[in-house]
Protein backbone atom coordinates (compact mmCIF):
# COMPACT_ATOMS: atom_id res chain seq x y z
CA UNK A 1 5.46 -30.08 -35.57
CA UNK A 2 8.04 -30.03 -32.80
CA UNK A 3 9.23 -26.71 -31.38
CA UNK A 4 12.98 -26.51 -30.88
CA UNK A 5 14.61 -25.59 -27.59
CA UNK A 6 15.84 -22.39 -29.22
CA UNK A 7 12.29 -21.38 -30.11
CA UNK A 8 11.08 -22.16 -26.58
CA UNK A 9 13.89 -20.01 -25.12
CA UNK A 10 12.89 -17.14 -27.42
CA UNK A 11 9.29 -17.37 -26.20
CA UNK A 12 10.38 -17.47 -22.55
CA UNK A 13 12.75 -14.53 -23.07
CA UNK A 14 9.92 -12.50 -24.60
CA UNK A 15 11.61 -12.32 -27.98
CA UNK A 16 8.33 -12.92 -29.79
CA UNK A 17 5.85 -10.10 -30.04
CA UNK A 18 2.96 -12.43 -29.24
CA UNK A 19 4.31 -12.80 -25.69
CA UNK A 20 4.38 -9.03 -25.29
CA UNK A 21 0.84 -8.80 -26.68
CA UNK A 22 -0.37 -11.42 -24.19
CA UNK A 23 1.28 -9.50 -21.36
CA UNK A 24 -0.33 -6.25 -22.54
CA UNK A 25 -3.76 -7.89 -22.72
CA UNK A 26 -3.37 -9.32 -19.23
CA UNK A 27 -2.32 -5.92 -17.88
CA UNK A 28 -5.24 -4.19 -19.61
CA UNK A 29 -7.64 -6.73 -18.15
CA UNK A 30 -6.20 -6.19 -14.67
CA UNK A 31 -6.56 -2.40 -15.05
CA UNK A 32 -10.19 -2.83 -16.13
CA UNK A 33 -10.90 -5.08 -13.14
CA UNK A 34 -9.19 -2.60 -10.81
CA UNK A 35 -11.21 0.27 -12.30
CA UNK A 36 -14.43 -1.69 -11.84
CA UNK A 37 -13.51 -2.40 -8.21
CA UNK A 38 -12.78 1.28 -7.57
CA UNK A 39 -16.17 2.26 -9.00
CA UNK A 40 -17.94 -0.39 -6.88
CA UNK A 41 -16.19 0.65 -3.67
CA UNK A 42 -16.90 4.32 -4.39
CA UNK A 43 -20.58 3.55 -4.94
CA UNK A 44 -20.70 1.52 -1.71
CA UNK A 45 -19.09 4.34 0.29
CA UNK A 46 -21.44 6.93 -1.19
CA UNK A 47 -24.42 4.72 -0.27
CA UNK A 48 -23.28 4.41 3.36
CA UNK A 49 -25.09 6.57 5.90
CA UNK A 50 -23.13 9.51 7.23
CA UNK A 51 -21.25 8.87 10.44
CA UNK A 52 -22.95 11.81 12.11
CA UNK A 53 -26.37 10.32 11.33
CA UNK A 54 -25.35 6.97 12.79
CA UNK A 55 -24.02 8.63 15.94
CA UNK A 56 -27.18 10.70 16.36
CA UNK A 57 -29.34 7.57 15.99
CA UNK A 58 -27.28 5.72 18.61
CA UNK A 59 -27.36 8.68 21.00
CA UNK A 60 -31.15 8.84 20.66
CA UNK A 61 -31.48 5.10 21.36
CA UNK A 62 -29.17 5.36 24.39
CA UNK A 63 -31.10 8.37 25.75
CA UNK A 64 -34.45 6.59 25.33
CA UNK A 65 -33.17 3.34 26.82
CA UNK A 66 -33.71 1.39 23.59
CA UNK A 67 -30.02 0.58 23.10
CA UNK A 68 -29.22 -2.57 25.03
CA UNK A 69 -26.49 -4.54 23.27
CA UNK A 70 -25.90 -8.07 24.48
CA UNK A 71 -22.55 -9.28 25.73
CA UNK A 72 -22.15 -11.20 22.47
CA UNK A 73 -22.73 -8.01 20.47
CA UNK A 74 -20.09 -6.16 22.48
CA UNK A 75 -17.58 -9.03 22.19
CA UNK A 76 -18.24 -9.27 18.45
CA UNK A 77 -17.61 -5.53 18.00
CA UNK A 78 -14.40 -5.74 20.04
CA UNK A 79 -13.10 -8.66 17.96
CA UNK A 80 -13.96 -6.93 14.67
CA UNK A 81 -12.23 -3.75 15.86
CA UNK A 82 -9.12 -5.75 16.84
CA UNK A 83 -9.00 -7.41 13.41
CA UNK A 84 -9.47 -4.06 11.64
CA UNK A 85 -6.66 -2.51 13.69
CA UNK A 86 -4.29 -5.33 12.76
CA UNK A 87 -5.08 -5.00 9.06
CA UNK A 88 -4.07 -1.36 9.04
């Protein structure tokens, strides 16, 4: 069965409820994916060590002479920081 141009225009204009239902389903799916992402990011942040703990560990390594980053490590950190600053 051939669909007339008029029927196609009605579908494109959203005149049929099925189009609205498809849009609603797509939006609900996107909200569910967003909610899942928020939960994952929240869990990841909670699992991260506290900044104070990280700083204390680094200070202890520096004081004991165990912290000796290579030039590549320093350059890598500088590049990552530059990229992060540009993203903000």
